[in-house]
Amino acid sequence: GEAVVNADGTLTAGPAVLLAEEYSSRLVAADPEFTAALPDGAVEHHQPGTVTAELEAEGWAKDRIRELQELRKSTGLDVSDRISVVISVP
């Protein structure tokens, strides 16, 4: 069934409320390579198990764009300021 871990560490499952010492939890990975517990341990995060070359390239490009935008901002460039960029793609 559904259960929620509250901020105070108690677990609410339907009408029942359990203290932190009254329950335990464990992560059972559907695909261990792409599943991880978040730092607070209360939530699971599952990413799709198939990363195509196209998705990897898109992620790489988005990371470079983000880095460029951060550099533009940190150096005080205006949106209308033009820059030249040379990128080597792995």
PDB file of N, CA and C in Angstrom:
ATOM      1  N   GLY A   1       0.801  -1.191   0.000  1.00  0.00           N
ATOM      2  CA  GLY A   1       0.000   0.000   0.000  1.00  0.00           C
ATOM      3  C   GLY A   1       0.847   1.259   0.000  1.00  0.00           C
ATOM      4  N   GLU A   2       0.171   2.358  -0.029  1.00  0.00           N
ATOM      5  CA  GLU A   2       0.821   3.664  -0.023  1.00  0.00           C
ATOM      6  C   GLU A   2       1.246   4.044   1.384  1.00  0.00           C
ATOM      7  N   ALA A   3       2.407   4.624   1.510  1.00  0.00           N
ATOM      8  CA  ALA A   3       2.910   5.102   2.794  1.00  0.00           C
ATOM      9  C   ALA A   3       3.689   6.380   2.556  1.00  0.00           C
ATOM     10  N   VAL A   4       3.676   7.257   3.557  1.00  0.00           N
ATOM     11  CA  VAL A   4       4.381   8.530   3.454  1.00  0.00           C
ATOM     12  C   VAL A   4       5.278   8.690   4.666  1.00  0.00           C
ATOM     13  N   VAL A   5       6.549   9.024   4.427  1.00  0.00           N
ATOM     14  CA  VAL A   5       7.462   9.339   5.521  1.00  0.00           C
ATOM     15  C   VAL A   5       7.345  10.838   5.763  1.00  0.00           C
ATOM     16  N   ASN A   6       6.953  11.201   6.971  1.00  0.00           N
ATOM     17  CA  ASN A   6       6.749  12.595   7.337  1.00  0.00           C
ATOM     18  C   ASN A   6       8.069  13.252   7.737  1.00  0.00           C
ATOM     19  N   ALA A   7       8.077  14.584   7.773  1.00  0.00           N
ATOM     20  CA  ALA A   7       9.285  15.345   8.099  1.00  0.00           C
ATOM     21  C   ALA A   7       9.852  14.978   9.468  1.00  0.00           C
ATOM     22  N   ASP A   8       8.997  14.573  10.403  1.00  0.00           N
ATOM     23  CA  ASP A   8       9.465  14.217  11.752  1.00  0.00           C
ATOM     24  C   ASP A   8       9.951  12.770  11.849  1.00  0.00           C
ATOM     25  N   GLY A   9       9.968  12.055  10.708  1.00  0.00           N
ATOM     26  CA  GLY A   9      10.464  10.681  10.696  1.00  0.00           C
ATOM     27  C   GLY A   9       9.393   9.624  10.887  1.00  0.00           C
ATOM     28  N   THR A  10       8.180  10.028  11.257  1.00  0.00           N
ATOM     29  CA  THR A  10       7.094   9.056  11.381  1.00  0.00           C
ATOM     30  C   THR A  10       6.641   8.636   9.993  1.00  0.00           C
ATOM     31  N   LEU A  11       5.995   7.486   9.925  1.00  0.00           N
ATOM     32  CA  LEU A  11       5.486   6.968   8.664  1.00  0.00           C
ATOM     33  C   LEU A  11       3.979   6.845   8.779  1.00  0.00           C
ATOM     34  N   THR A  12       3.251   7.404   7.824  1.00  0.00           N
ATOM     35  CA  THR A  12       1.799   7.304   7.804  1.00  0.00           C
ATOM     36  C   THR A  12       1.405   6.343   6.698  1.00  0.00           C
ATOM     37  N   ALA A  13       0.695   5.284   7.073  1.00  0.00           N
ATOM     38  CA  ALA A  13       0.189   4.298   6.121  1.00  0.00           C
ATOM     39  C   ALA A  13      -1.292   4.127   6.412  1.00  0.00           C
ATOM     40  N   GLY A  14      -2.134   4.740   5.590  1.00  0.00           N
ATOM     41  CA  GLY A  14      -3.568   4.728   5.872  1.00  0.00           C
ATOM     42  C   GLY A  14      -3.821   5.433   7.188  1.00  0.00           C
ATOM     43  N   PRO A  15      -4.595   4.821   8.090  1.00  0.00           N
ATOM     44  CA  PRO A  15      -4.861   5.461   9.378  1.00  0.00           C
ATOM     45  C   PRO A  15      -3.734   5.252  10.401  1.00  0.00           C
ATOM     46  N   ALA A  16      -2.773   4.383  10.089  1.00  0.00           N
ATOM     47  CA  ALA A  16      -1.706   4.064  11.045  1.00  0.00           C
ATOM     48  C   ALA A  16      -0.547   5.048  10.932  1.00  0.00           C
ATOM     49  N   VAL A  17       0.011   5.420  12.083  1.00  0.00           N
ATOM     50  CA  VAL A  17       1.202   6.266  12.138  1.00  0.00           C
ATOM     51  C   VAL A  17       2.257   5.514  12.942  1.00  0.00           C
ATOM     52  N   LEU A  18       3.411   5.260  12.322  1.00  0.00           N
ATOM     53  CA  LEU A  18       4.490   4.527  12.979  1.00  0.00           C
ATOM     54  C   LEU A  18       5.638   5.469  13.313  1.00  0.00           C
ATOM     55  N   LEU A  19       6.249   5.262  14.471  1.00  0.00           N
ATOM     56  CA  LEU A  19       7.440   6.015  14.853  1.00  0.00           C
ATOM     57  C   LEU A  19       8.625   5.502  14.044  1.00  0.00           C
ATOM     58  N   ALA A  20       9.667   6.311  13.937  1.00  0.00           N
ATOM     59  CA  ALA A  20      10.836   5.947  13.128  1.00  0.00           C
ATOM     60  C   ALA A  20      11.428   4.600  13.536  1.00  0.00           C
ATOM     61  N   GLU A  21      11.428   4.302  14.834  1.00  0.00           N
ATOM     62  CA  GLU A  21      12.008   3.033  15.295  1.00  0.00           C
ATOM     63  C   GLU A  21      11.077   1.835  15.080  1.00  0.00           C
ATOM     64  N   GLU A  22       9.863   2.075  14.604  1.00  0.00           N
ATOM     65  CA  GLU A  22       8.891   0.996  14.404  1.00  0.00           C
ATOM     66  C   GLU A  22       8.839   0.482  12.963  1.00  0.00           C
ATOM     67  N   TYR A  23       9.633   1.052  12.089  1.00  0.00           N
ATOM     68  CA  TYR A  23       9.636   0.578  10.706  1.00  0.00           C
ATOM     69  C   TYR A  23      11.045   0.708  10.126  1.00  0.00           C
ATOM     70  N   SER A  24      11.269   0.017   9.038  1.00  0.00           N
ATOM     71  CA  SER A  24      12.518   0.172   8.296  1.00  0.00           C
ATOM     72  C   SER A  24      12.162   0.254   6.817  1.00  0.00           C
ATOM     73  N   SER A  25      13.052   0.795   6.049  1.00  0.00           N
ATOM     74  CA  SER A  25      12.800   0.875   4.609  1.00  0.00           C
ATOM     75  C   SER A  25      14.058   0.450   3.874  1.00  0.00           C
ATOM     76  N   ARG A  26      13.872  -0.013   2.662  1.00  0.00           N
ATOM     77  CA  ARG A  26      15.013  -0.373   1.837  1.00  0.00           C
ATOM     78  C   ARG A  26      14.659  -0.082   0.392  1.00  0.00           C
ATOM     79  N   LEU A  27      15.661   0.201  -0.371  1.00  0.00           N
ATOM     80  CA  LEU A  27      15.501   0.497  -1.780  1.00  0.00           C
ATOM     81  C   LEU A  27      15.674  -0.794  -2.567  1.00  0.00           C
ATOM     82  N   VAL A  28      14.671  -1.152  -3.338  1.00  0.00           N
ATOM     83  CA  VAL A  28      14.767  -2.312  -4.217  1.00  0.00           C
ATOM     84  C   VAL A  28      14.800  -1.757  -5.635  1.00  0.00           C
ATOM     85  N   ALA A  29      15.947  -1.838  -6.259  1.00  0.00           N
ATOM     86  CA  ALA A  29      16.142  -1.220  -7.563  1.00  0.00           C
ATOM     87  C   ALA A  29      15.552  -2.061  -8.678  1.00  0.00           C
ATOM     88  N   ALA A  30      14.698  -1.439  -9.479  1.00  0.00           N
ATOM     89  CA  ALA A  30      14.170  -2.106 -10.659  1.00  0.00           C
ATOM     90  C   ALA A  30      15.301  -2.322 -11.657  1.00  0.00           C
ATOM     91  N   ASP A  31      16.170  -1.348 -11.768  1.00  0.00           N
ATOM     92  CA  ASP A  31      17.357  -1.430 -12.613  1.00  0.00           C
ATOM     93  C   ASP A  31      18.478  -0.758 -11.827  1.00  0.00           C
ATOM     94  N   PRO A  32      19.307  -1.529 -11.127  1.00  0.00           N
ATOM     95  CA  PRO A  32      20.311  -0.961 -10.225  1.00  0.00           C
ATOM     96  C   PRO A  32      21.202   0.106 -10.851  1.00  0.00           C
ATOM     97  N   GLU A  33      21.438   0.019 -12.144  1.00  0.00           N
ATOM     98  CA  GLU A  33      22.310   0.993 -12.795  1.00  0.00           C
ATOM     99  C   GLU A  33      21.679   2.383 -12.868  1.00  0.00           C
ATOM    100  N   PHE A  34      20.348   2.453 -12.831  1.00  0.00           N
ATOM    101  CA  PHE A  34      19.661   3.729 -13.016  1.00  0.00           C
ATOM    102  C   PHE A  34      18.733   4.092 -11.866  1.00  0.00           C
ATOM    103  N   THR A  35      18.922   3.508 -10.693  1.00  0.00           N
ATOM    104  CA  THR A  35      18.064   3.796  -9.551  1.00  0.00           C
ATOM    105  C   THR A  35      18.926   4.176  -8.364  1.00  0.00           C
ATOM    106  N   ALA A  36      18.481   5.190  -7.618  1.00  0.00           N
ATOM    107  CA  ALA A  36      19.253   5.631  -6.456  1.00  0.00           C
ATOM    108  C   ALA A  36      18.326   6.224  -5.417  1.00  0.00           C
ATOM    109  N   ALA A  37      18.711   6.124  -4.158  1.00  0.00           N
ATOM    110  CA  ALA A  37      17.976   6.794  -3.090  1.00  0.00           C
ATOM    111  C   ALA A  37      18.444   8.237  -3.043  1.00  0.00           C
ATOM    112  N   LEU A  38      17.521   9.157  -2.840  1.00  0.00           N
ATOM    113  CA  LEU A  38      17.888  10.557  -2.686  1.00  0.00           C
ATOM    114  C   LEU A  38      18.518  10.756  -1.319  1.00  0.00           C
ATOM    115  N   PRO A  39      19.277  11.841  -1.127  1.00  0.00           N
ATOM    116  CA  PRO A  39      20.020  12.033   0.128  1.00  0.00           C
ATOM    117  C   PRO A  39      19.200  11.885   1.407  1.00  0.00           C
ATOM    118  N   ASP A  40      17.935  12.325   1.395  1.00  0.00           N
ATOM    119  CA  ASP A  40      17.150  12.212   2.628  1.00  0.00           C
ATOM    120  C   ASP A  40      16.641  10.796   2.856  1.00  0.00           C
ATOM    121  N   GLY A  41      16.817   9.919   1.869  1.00  0.00           N
ATOM    122  CA  GLY A  41      16.434   8.521   2.013  1.00  0.00           C
ATOM    123  C   GLY A  41      14.940   8.272   1.961  1.00  0.00           C
ATOM    124  N   ALA A  42      14.143   9.317   1.821  1.00  0.00           N
ATOM    125  CA  ALA A  42      12.695   9.164   1.876  1.00  0.00           C
ATOM    126  C   ALA A  42      12.067   8.913   0.512  1.00  0.00           C
ATOM    127  N   VAL A  43      12.808   9.155  -0.544  1.00  0.00           N
ATOM    128  CA  VAL A  43      12.228   9.098  -1.875  1.00  0.00           C
ATOM    129  C   VAL A  43      13.132   8.308  -2.807  1.00  0.00           C
ATOM    130  N   GLU A  44      12.538   7.586  -3.720  1.00  0.00           N
ATOM    131  CA  GLU A  44      13.298   6.893  -4.751  1.00  0.00           C
ATOM    132  C   GLU A  44      13.276   7.730  -6.017  1.00  0.00           C
ATOM    133  N   HIS A  45      14.330   7.638  -6.796  1.00  0.00           N
ATOM    134  CA  HIS A  45      14.388   8.320  -8.083  1.00  0.00           C
ATOM    135  C   HIS A  45      14.779   7.273  -9.110  1.00  0.00           C
ATOM    136  N   HIS A  46      13.965   7.113 -10.129  1.00  0.00           N
ATOM    137  CA  HIS A  46      14.257   6.113 -11.152  1.00  0.00           C
ATOM    138  C   HIS A  46      14.332   6.811 -12.497  1.00  0.00           C
ATOM    139  N   GLN A  47      15.446   6.652 -13.176  1.00  0.00           N
ATOM    140  CA  GLN A  47      15.603   7.198 -14.512  1.00  0.00           C
ATOM    141  C   GLN A  47      15.426   6.075 -15.516  1.00  0.00           C
ATOM    142  N   PRO A  48      14.957   6.416 -16.701  1.00  0.00           N
ATOM    143  CA  PRO A  48      14.800   5.379 -17.722  1.00  0.00           C
ATOM    144  C   PRO A  48      16.110   4.637 -17.950  1.00  0.00           C
ATOM    145  N   GLY A  49      16.017   3.346 -18.185  1.00  0.00           N
ATOM    146  CA  GLY A  49      17.198   2.523 -18.343  1.00  0.00           C
ATOM    147  C   GLY A  49      17.841   2.590 -19.713  1.00  0.00           C
ATOM    148  N   THR A  50      17.199   3.243 -20.674  1.00  0.00           N
ATOM    149  CA  THR A  50      17.744   3.297 -22.019  1.00  0.00           C
ATOM    150  C   THR A  50      18.203   4.709 -22.341  1.00  0.00           C
ATOM    151  N   VAL A  51      19.509   4.887 -22.458  1.00  0.00           N
ATOM    152  CA  VAL A  51      20.062   6.175 -22.859  1.00  0.00           C
ATOM    153  C   VAL A  51      20.653   5.980 -24.248  1.00  0.00           C
ATOM    154  N   THR A  52      19.960   6.531 -25.226  1.00  0.00           N
ATOM    155  CA  THR A  52      20.433   6.401 -26.601  1.00  0.00           C
ATOM    156  C   THR A  52      21.556   7.397 -26.857  1.00  0.00           C
ATOM    157  N   ALA A  53      22.269   7.192 -27.942  1.00  0.00           N
ATOM    158  CA  ALA A  53      23.335   8.126 -28.325  1.00  0.00           C
ATOM    159  C   ALA A  53      22.750   9.522 -28.545  1.00  0.00           C
ATOM    160  N   GLU A  54      21.545   9.570 -29.087  1.00  0.00           N
ATOM    161  CA  GLU A  54      20.880  10.858 -29.331  1.00  0.00           C
ATOM    162  C   GLU A  54      20.581  11.582 -28.013  1.00  0.00           C
ATOM    163  N   LEU A  55      20.071  10.852 -27.009  1.00  0.00           N
ATOM    164  CA  LEU A  55      19.795  11.456 -25.704  1.00  0.00           C
ATOM    165  C   LEU A  55      21.073  11.919 -25.019  1.00  0.00           C
ATOM    166  N   GLU A  56      22.118  11.124 -25.121  1.00  0.00           N
ATOM    167  CA  GLU A  56      23.397  11.498 -24.519  1.00  0.00           C
ATOM    168  C   GLU A  56      23.951  12.766 -25.172  1.00  0.00           C
ATOM    169  N   ALA A  57      23.860  12.852 -26.498  1.00  0.00           N
ATOM    170  CA  ALA A  57      24.337  14.037 -27.218  1.00  0.00           C
ATOM    171  C   ALA A  57      23.517  15.267 -26.844  1.00  0.00           C
ATOM    172  N   GLU A  58      22.215  15.095 -26.713  1.00  0.00           N
ATOM    173  CA  GLU A  58      21.344  16.209 -26.327  1.00  0.00           C
ATOM    174  C   GLU A  58      21.697  16.713 -24.930  1.00  0.00           C
ATOM    175  N   GLY A  59      21.917  15.796 -24.004  1.00  0.00           N
ATOM    176  CA  GLY A  59      22.302  16.175 -22.646  1.00  0.00           C
ATOM    177  C   GLY A  59      23.635  16.890 -22.623  1.00  0.00           C
ATOM    178  N   TRP A  60      24.589  16.410 -23.415  1.00  0.00           N
ATOM    179  CA  TRP A  60      25.905  17.041 -23.494  1.00  0.00           C
ATOM    180  C   TRP A  60      25.763  18.472 -24.007  1.00  0.00           C
ATOM    181  N   ALA A  61      24.975  18.647 -25.076  1.00  0.00           N
ATOM    182  CA  ALA A  61      24.780  19.978 -25.665  1.00  0.00           C
ATOM    183  C   ALA A  61      24.098  20.923 -24.675  1.00  0.00           C
ATOM    184  N   LYS A  62      23.089  20.438 -23.963  1.00  0.00           N
ATOM    185  CA  LYS A  62      22.394  21.283 -22.980  1.00  0.00           C
ATOM    186  C   LYS A  62      23.329  21.705 -21.851  1.00  0.00           C
ATOM    187  N   ASP A  63      24.212  20.810 -21.435  1.00  0.00           N
ATOM    188  CA  ASP A  63      25.191  21.161 -20.398  1.00  0.00           C
ATOM    189  C   ASP A  63      26.118  22.267 -20.884  1.00  0.00           C
ATOM    190  N   ARG A  64      26.584  22.196 -22.151  1.00  0.00           N
ATOM    191  CA  ARG A  64      27.476  23.229 -22.679  1.00  0.00           C
ATOM    192  C   ARG A  64      26.756  24.573 -22.773  1.00  0.00           C
ATOM    193  N   ILE A  65      25.497  24.553 -23.222  1.00  0.00           N
ATOM    194  CA  ILE A  65      24.713  25.792 -23.319  1.00  0.00           C
ATOM    195  C   ILE A  65      24.541  26.414 -21.939  1.00  0.00           C
ATOM    196  N   ARG A  66      24.232  25.589 -20.951  1.00  0.00           N
ATOM    197  CA  ARG A  66      24.077  26.091 -19.580  1.00  0.00           C
ATOM    198  C   ARG A  66      25.378  26.717 -19.098  1.00  0.00           C
ATOM    199  N   GLU A  67      26.501  26.050 -19.346  1.00  0.00           N
ATOM    200  CA  GLU A  67      27.804  26.585 -18.936  1.00  0.00           C
ATOM    201  C   GLU A  67      28.086  27.927 -19.611  1.00  0.00           C
ATOM    202  N   LEU A  68      27.786  28.021 -20.908  1.00  0.00           N
ATOM    203  CA  LEU A  68      27.995  29.282 -21.622  1.00  0.00           C
ATOM    204  C   LEU A  68      27.125  30.393 -21.048  1.00  0.00           C
ATOM    205  N   GLN A  69      25.866  30.086 -20.769  1.00  0.00           N
ATOM    206  CA  GLN A  69      24.961  31.096 -20.208  1.00  0.00           C
ATOM    207  C   GLN A  69      25.456  31.561 -18.846  1.00  0.00           C
ATOM    208  N   GLU A  70      25.948  30.640 -18.024  1.00  0.00           N
ATOM    209  CA  GLU A  70      26.480  31.016 -16.710  1.00  0.00           C
ATOM    210  C   GLU A  70      27.712  31.907 -16.859  1.00  0.00           C
ATOM    211  N   LEU A  71      28.587  31.589 -17.824  1.00  0.00           N
ATOM    212  CA  LEU A  71      29.768  32.418 -18.073  1.00  0.00           C
ATOM    213  C   LEU A  71      29.376  33.809 -18.562  1.00  0.00           C
ATOM    214  N   ARG A  72      28.407  33.881 -19.460  1.00  0.00           N
ATOM    215  CA  ARG A  72      27.929  35.180 -19.949  1.00  0.00           C
ATOM    216  C   ARG A  72      27.425  36.023 -18.786  1.00  0.00           C
ATOM    217  N   LYS A  73      26.638  35.401 -17.932  1.00  0.00           N
ATOM    218  CA  LYS A  73      26.062  36.122 -16.795  1.00  0.00           C
ATOM    219  C   LYS A  73      27.154  36.575 -15.824  1.00  0.00           C
ATOM    220  N   SER A  74      28.085  35.674 -15.499  1.00  0.00           N
ATOM    221  CA  SER A  74      29.120  36.000 -14.506  1.00  0.00           C
ATOM    222  C   SER A  74      30.099  37.068 -15.005  1.00  0.00           C
ATOM    223  N   THR A  75      30.230  37.208 -16.331  1.00  0.00           N
ATOM    224  CA  THR A  75      31.127  38.234 -16.870  1.00  0.00           C
ATOM    225  C   THR A  75      30.396  39.530 -17.192  1.00  0.00           C
ATOM    226  N   GLY A  76      29.097  39.569 -16.942  1.00  0.00           N
ATOM    227  CA  GLY A  76      28.328  40.799 -17.128  1.00  0.00           C
ATOM    228  C   GLY A  76      27.914  41.083 -18.556  1.00  0.00           C
ATOM    229  N   LEU A  77      27.937  40.078 -19.419  1.00  0.00           N
ATOM    230  CA  LEU A  77      27.515  40.295 -20.800  1.00  0.00           C
ATOM    231  C   LEU A  77      26.005  40.484 -20.872  1.00  0.00           C
ATOM    232  N   ASP A  78      25.579  41.323 -21.804  1.00  0.00           N
ATOM    233  CA  ASP A  78      24.162  41.558 -22.042  1.00  0.00           C
ATOM    234  C   ASP A  78      23.660  40.531 -23.055  1.00  0.00           C
ATOM    235  N   VAL A  79      22.362  40.320 -23.072  1.00  0.00           N
ATOM    236  CA  VAL A  79      21.770  39.358 -24.010  1.00  0.00           C
ATOM    237  C   VAL A  79      22.108  39.731 -25.450  1.00  0.00           C
ATOM    238  N   SER A  80      22.200  41.023 -25.735  1.00  0.00           N
ATOM    239  CA  SER A  80      22.481  41.472 -27.103  1.00  0.00           C
ATOM    240  C   SER A  80      23.966  41.392 -27.467  1.00  0.00           C
ATOM    241  N   ASP A  81      24.848  41.171 -26.490  1.00  0.00           N
ATOM    242  CA  ASP A  81      26.283  41.048 -26.768  1.00  0.00           C
ATOM    243  C   ASP A  81      26.563  39.751 -27.518  1.00  0.00           C
ATOM    244  N   ARG A  82      27.342  39.870 -28.593  1.00  0.00           N
ATOM    245  CA  ARG A  82      27.681  38.700 -29.408  1.00  0.00           C
ATOM    246  C   ARG A  82      28.997  38.104 -28.932  1.00  0.00           C
ATOM    247  N   ILE A  83      29.075  36.781 -28.959  1.00  0.00           N
ATOM    248  CA  ILE A  83      30.313  36.091 -28.610  1.00  0.00           C
ATOM    249  C   ILE A  83      30.596  35.048 -29.683  1.00  0.00           C
ATOM    250  N   SER A  84      31.847  34.666 -29.810  1.00  0.00           N
ATOM    251  CA  SER A  84      32.232  33.572 -30.711  1.00  0.00           C
ATOM    252  C   SER A  84      32.675  32.402 -29.848  1.00  0.00           C
ATOM    253  N   VAL A  85      32.205  31.219 -30.197  1.00  0.00           N
ATOM    254  CA  VAL A  85      32.507  30.029 -29.417  1.00  0.00           C
ATOM    255  C   VAL A  85      32.958  28.920 -30.362  1.00  0.00           C
ATOM    256  N   VAL A  86      34.022  28.237 -29.986  1.00  0.00           N
ATOM    257  CA  VAL A  86      34.478  27.057 -30.719  1.00  0.00           C
ATOM    258  C   VAL A  86      34.384  25.882 -29.757  1.00  0.00           C
ATOM    259  N   ILE A  87      33.642  24.858 -30.154  1.00  0.00           N
ATOM    260  CA  ILE A  87      33.424  23.694 -29.294  1.00  0.00           C
ATOM    261  C   ILE A  87      33.909  22.443 -30.012  1.00  0.00           C
ATOM    262  N   SER A  88      34.684  21.638 -29.317  1.00  0.00           N
ATOM    263  CA  SER A  88      35.084  20.327 -29.832  1.00  0.00           C
ATOM    264  C   SER A  88      34.154  19.286 -29.235  1.00  0.00           C
ATOM    265  N   VAL A  89      33.497  18.543 -30.083  1.00  0.00           N
ATOM    266  CA  VAL A  89      32.539  17.537 -29.628  1.00  0.00           C
ATOM    267  C   VAL A  89      33.258  16.203 -29.460  1.00  0.00           C
ATOM    268  N   PRO A  90      33.079  15.570 -28.289  1.00  0.00           N
ATOM    269  CA  PRO A  90      33.752  14.279 -28.066  1.00  0.00           C
ATOM    270  C   PRO A  90      33.207  13.187 -28.974  1.00  0.00           C
TER     271      PRO A  90
END
